[in-house]
């Protein structure tokens, strides 16, 4: 995967707003793009696994996506906000 897709762009916007210290650190290490791509790829990979499981359980495509997203989104994309120092 070469560029940021929806989840990567969502992560970037969220991280910039709610995790500015993480973003600053990643940028200082010249790793921000790599970190966003990794978050995007992990999200897509994990969602695909979950969606297959949910399809076997009889859920429709929208339900499989929504449930997988709900389980994965806070692990890689919508990180908890940083606490103010």
N, C-alpha and C. Protein backbone atom coordinates (compact mmCIF):
# COMPACT_ATOMS: atom_id res chain seq x y z
N UNK A 1 0.86 -1.17 0.00
CA UNK A 1 0.00 0.00 0.00
C UNK A 1 0.90 1.23 0.00
N UNK A 2 0.65 2.14 -0.91
CA UNK A 2 1.60 3.22 -1.09
C UNK A 2 1.18 4.55 -0.47
N UNK A 3 -0.11 4.81 -0.33
CA UNK A 3 -0.52 6.10 0.17
C UNK A 3 -1.62 5.99 1.20
N UNK A 4 -1.94 7.14 1.78
CA UNK A 4 -2.98 7.17 2.79
C UNK A 4 -4.35 7.09 2.13
N UNK A 5 -5.16 6.21 2.66
CA UNK A 5 -6.54 6.08 2.24
C UNK A 5 -7.42 6.70 3.32
N UNK A 6 -8.68 6.38 3.29
CA UNK A 6 -9.62 6.99 4.25
C UNK A 6 -9.17 6.83 5.69
N UNK A 7 -8.80 5.61 6.09
CA UNK A 7 -8.43 5.40 7.49
C UNK A 7 -7.13 6.11 7.85
N UNK A 8 -6.18 6.15 6.95
CA UNK A 8 -4.94 6.86 7.20
C UNK A 8 -5.17 8.36 7.36
N UNK A 9 -6.01 8.91 6.50
CA UNK A 9 -6.32 10.35 6.60
C UNK A 9 -7.13 10.65 7.86
N UNK A 10 -8.00 9.72 8.23
CA UNK A 10 -8.77 9.88 9.47
C UNK A 10 -7.83 9.87 10.67
N UNK A 11 -6.88 8.96 10.66
CA UNK A 11 -5.90 8.89 11.75
C UNK A 11 -5.10 10.18 11.83
N UNK A 12 -4.65 10.67 10.68
CA UNK A 12 -3.85 11.89 10.68
C UNK A 12 -4.63 13.06 11.28
N UNK A 13 -5.87 13.24 10.87
CA UNK A 13 -6.68 14.34 11.40
C UNK A 13 -6.92 14.17 12.90
N UNK A 14 -7.23 12.95 13.31
CA UNK A 14 -7.50 12.69 14.72
C UNK A 14 -6.25 12.90 15.56
N UNK A 15 -5.14 12.32 15.12
CA UNK A 15 -3.90 12.44 15.88
C UNK A 15 -3.46 13.90 16.00
N UNK A 16 -3.58 14.66 14.93
CA UNK A 16 -3.17 16.07 14.98
C UNK A 16 -4.01 16.84 16.00
N UNK A 17 -5.29 16.53 16.07
CA UNK A 17 -6.16 17.25 16.99
C UNK A 17 -6.03 16.77 18.43
N UNK A 18 -5.97 15.45 18.62
CA UNK A 18 -6.04 14.90 19.97
C UNK A 18 -4.73 14.35 20.52
N UNK A 19 -3.73 14.16 19.67
CA UNK A 19 -2.45 13.59 20.10
C UNK A 19 -1.28 14.39 19.53
N UNK A 20 -1.24 15.70 19.77
CA UNK A 20 -0.22 16.53 19.13
C UNK A 20 1.21 16.17 19.54
N UNK A 21 1.41 15.68 20.76
CA UNK A 21 2.77 15.31 21.18
C UNK A 21 3.25 14.08 20.40
N UNK A 22 2.37 13.13 20.20
CA UNK A 22 2.74 11.96 19.40
C UNK A 22 3.11 12.39 17.99
N UNK A 23 2.29 13.25 17.40
CA UNK A 23 2.54 13.73 16.04
C UNK A 23 3.89 14.45 15.97
N UNK A 24 4.13 15.31 16.94
CA UNK A 24 5.40 16.06 16.97
C UNK A 24 6.59 15.10 17.06
N UNK A 25 6.49 14.11 17.93
CA UNK A 25 7.57 13.13 18.07
C UNK A 25 7.79 12.37 16.77
N UNK A 26 6.71 11.90 16.16
CA UNK A 26 6.81 11.16 14.89
C UNK A 26 7.42 12.04 13.80
N UNK A 27 7.01 13.29 13.74
CA UNK A 27 7.55 14.20 12.73
C UNK A 27 9.02 14.48 12.97
N UNK A 28 9.41 14.65 14.23
CA UNK A 28 10.82 14.88 14.56
C UNK A 28 11.69 13.69 14.17
N UNK A 29 11.11 12.50 14.21
CA UNK A 29 11.84 11.28 13.84
C UNK A 29 11.62 10.94 12.36
N UNK A 30 10.92 11.79 11.66
CA UNK A 30 10.59 11.57 10.24
C UNK A 30 9.87 10.23 10.05
N UNK A 31 8.94 9.93 10.96
CA UNK A 31 8.21 8.67 10.92
C UNK A 31 6.70 8.84 10.84
N UNK A 32 6.21 10.06 10.67
CA UNK A 32 4.76 10.26 10.71
C UNK A 32 4.04 9.51 9.59
N UNK A 33 4.56 9.61 8.38
CA UNK A 33 3.91 8.92 7.24
C UNK A 33 3.94 7.41 7.45
N UNK A 34 5.06 6.88 7.90
CA UNK A 34 5.16 5.44 8.13
C UNK A 34 4.20 4.99 9.23
N UNK A 35 4.06 5.78 10.28
CA UNK A 35 3.16 5.42 11.38
C UNK A 35 1.70 5.44 10.91
N UNK A 36 1.35 6.43 10.11
CA UNK A 36 -0.01 6.50 9.58
C UNK A 36 -0.31 5.32 8.65
N UNK A 37 0.64 4.99 7.81
CA UNK A 37 0.46 3.84 6.92
C UNK A 37 0.32 2.54 7.72
N UNK A 38 1.12 2.40 8.75
CA UNK A 38 1.03 1.21 9.59
C UNK A 38 -0.33 1.12 10.28
N UNK A 39 -0.81 2.23 10.82
CA UNK A 39 -2.12 2.25 11.47
C UNK A 39 -3.21 1.87 10.47
N UNK A 40 -3.11 2.41 9.28
CA UNK A 40 -4.08 2.12 8.22
C UNK A 40 -4.05 0.63 7.85
N UNK A 41 -2.86 0.09 7.65
CA UNK A 41 -2.73 -1.31 7.24
C UNK A 41 -3.20 -2.26 8.34
N UNK A 42 -2.84 -1.98 9.57
CA UNK A 42 -3.28 -2.84 10.67
C UNK A 42 -4.80 -2.81 10.80
N UNK A 43 -5.38 -1.62 10.64
CA UNK A 43 -6.83 -1.48 10.70
C UNK A 43 -7.48 -2.32 9.61
N UNK A 44 -7.02 -2.17 8.39
CA UNK A 44 -7.61 -2.91 7.27
C UNK A 44 -7.43 -4.41 7.45
N UNK A 45 -6.24 -4.84 7.86
CA UNK A 45 -5.99 -6.27 8.04
C UNK A 45 -6.89 -6.87 9.12
N UNK A 46 -6.95 -6.19 10.25
CA UNK A 46 -7.74 -6.71 11.36
C UNK A 46 -9.24 -6.67 11.03
N UNK A 47 -9.66 -5.62 10.35
CA UNK A 47 -11.06 -5.53 9.97
C UNK A 47 -11.43 -6.65 9.00
N UNK A 48 -10.57 -6.97 8.08
CA UNK A 48 -10.85 -8.04 7.12
C UNK A 48 -11.04 -9.37 7.84
N UNK A 49 -10.21 -9.66 8.80
CA UNK A 49 -10.34 -10.90 9.57
C UNK A 49 -11.68 -10.93 10.30
N UNK A 50 -12.00 -9.83 10.97
CA UNK A 50 -13.26 -9.76 11.72
C UNK A 50 -14.47 -9.84 10.79
N UNK A 51 -14.39 -9.17 9.66
CA UNK A 51 -15.51 -9.17 8.72
C UNK A 51 -15.77 -10.59 8.20
N UNK A 52 -14.73 -11.36 7.95
CA UNK A 52 -14.91 -12.75 7.52
C UNK A 52 -15.63 -13.55 8.60
N UNK A 53 -15.22 -13.33 9.86
CA UNK A 53 -15.86 -14.04 10.97
C UNK A 53 -17.34 -13.66 11.06
N UNK A 54 -17.62 -12.37 10.93
CA UNK A 54 -19.00 -11.91 11.04
C UNK A 54 -19.86 -12.40 9.87
N UNK A 55 -19.27 -12.49 8.67
CA UNK A 55 -20.02 -13.03 7.52
C UNK A 55 -20.40 -14.48 7.77
N UNK A 56 -19.48 -15.25 8.35
CA UNK A 56 -19.78 -16.65 8.68
C UNK A 56 -20.91 -16.75 9.70
N UNK A 57 -21.07 -15.72 10.50
CA UNK A 57 -22.14 -15.69 11.50
C UNK A 57 -23.47 -15.23 10.89
N UNK A 58 -23.46 -14.85 9.62
CA UNK A 58 -24.69 -14.48 8.93
C UNK A 58 -24.99 -12.99 8.86
N UNK A 59 -24.05 -12.14 9.28
CA UNK A 59 -24.30 -10.70 9.19
C UNK A 59 -24.18 -10.25 7.74
N UNK A 60 -24.91 -9.18 7.41
CA UNK A 60 -24.82 -8.63 6.06
C UNK A 60 -23.55 -7.77 5.95
N UNK A 61 -23.17 -7.39 4.71
CA UNK A 61 -21.91 -6.64 4.53
C UNK A 61 -21.82 -5.36 5.36
N UNK A 62 -22.90 -4.60 5.46
CA UNK A 62 -22.84 -3.36 6.24
C UNK A 62 -22.64 -3.66 7.73
N UNK A 63 -23.33 -4.67 8.21
CA UNK A 63 -23.18 -5.05 9.62
C UNK A 63 -21.77 -5.54 9.91
N UNK A 64 -21.21 -6.33 8.98
CA UNK A 64 -19.85 -6.84 9.21
C UNK A 64 -18.86 -5.69 9.29
N UNK A 65 -19.00 -4.72 8.38
CA UNK A 65 -18.09 -3.56 8.38
C UNK A 65 -18.25 -2.76 9.66
N UNK A 66 -19.50 -2.44 10.00
CA UNK A 66 -19.75 -1.59 11.17
C UNK A 66 -19.23 -2.23 12.45
N UNK A 67 -19.47 -3.51 12.61
CA UNK A 67 -19.02 -4.18 13.84
C UNK A 67 -17.50 -4.28 13.89
N UNK A 68 -16.88 -4.60 12.76
CA UNK A 68 -15.42 -4.68 12.72
C UNK A 68 -14.81 -3.31 13.03
N UNK A 69 -15.34 -2.25 12.43
CA UNK A 69 -14.84 -0.90 12.67
C UNK A 69 -14.96 -0.53 14.14
N UNK A 70 -16.09 -0.86 14.74
CA UNK A 70 -16.28 -0.53 16.15
C UNK A 70 -15.24 -1.23 17.04
N UNK A 71 -14.86 -2.44 16.68
CA UNK A 71 -13.89 -3.18 17.49
C UNK A 71 -12.45 -2.74 17.27
N UNK A 72 -12.14 -2.18 16.10
CA UNK A 72 -10.75 -1.90 15.74
C UNK A 72 -10.39 -0.42 15.82
N UNK A 73 -11.33 0.46 15.63
CA UNK A 73 -11.03 1.89 15.42
C UNK A 73 -10.18 2.54 16.50
N UNK A 74 -10.37 2.18 17.74
CA UNK A 74 -9.62 2.85 18.81
C UNK A 74 -8.25 2.23 19.06
N UNK A 75 -7.96 1.11 18.39
CA UNK A 75 -6.65 0.48 18.55
C UNK A 75 -5.59 1.19 17.73
N UNK A 76 -5.97 1.68 16.55
CA UNK A 76 -4.97 2.22 15.62
C UNK A 76 -5.29 3.62 15.10
N UNK A 77 -6.56 3.95 14.93
CA UNK A 77 -6.94 5.19 14.26
C UNK A 77 -7.36 6.26 15.28
N UNK A 78 -8.36 6.00 16.06
CA UNK A 78 -8.89 7.00 17.00
C UNK A 78 -8.28 6.77 18.38
N UNK A 79 -7.00 7.11 18.48
CA UNK A 79 -6.27 6.93 19.73
C UNK A 79 -6.86 7.83 20.82
N UNK A 80 -6.73 7.43 22.08
CA UNK A 80 -7.24 8.27 23.16
C UNK A 80 -6.53 9.63 23.17
N UNK A 81 -7.27 10.67 23.50
CA UNK A 81 -6.66 12.01 23.57
C UNK A 81 -5.55 12.05 24.62
N UNK A 82 -4.54 12.82 24.32
CA UNK A 82 -3.46 13.04 25.27
C UNK A 82 -3.97 13.90 26.41
N UNK A 83 -3.44 13.65 27.56
CA UNK A 83 -3.80 14.49 28.72
C UNK A 83 -2.93 15.73 28.72
N UNK A 84 -3.53 16.82 29.09
CA UNK A 84 -2.78 18.08 29.16
C UNK A 84 -1.78 18.00 30.31
N UNK A 85 -0.61 18.56 30.08
CA UNK A 85 0.42 18.57 31.13
C UNK A 85 0.37 19.86 31.89
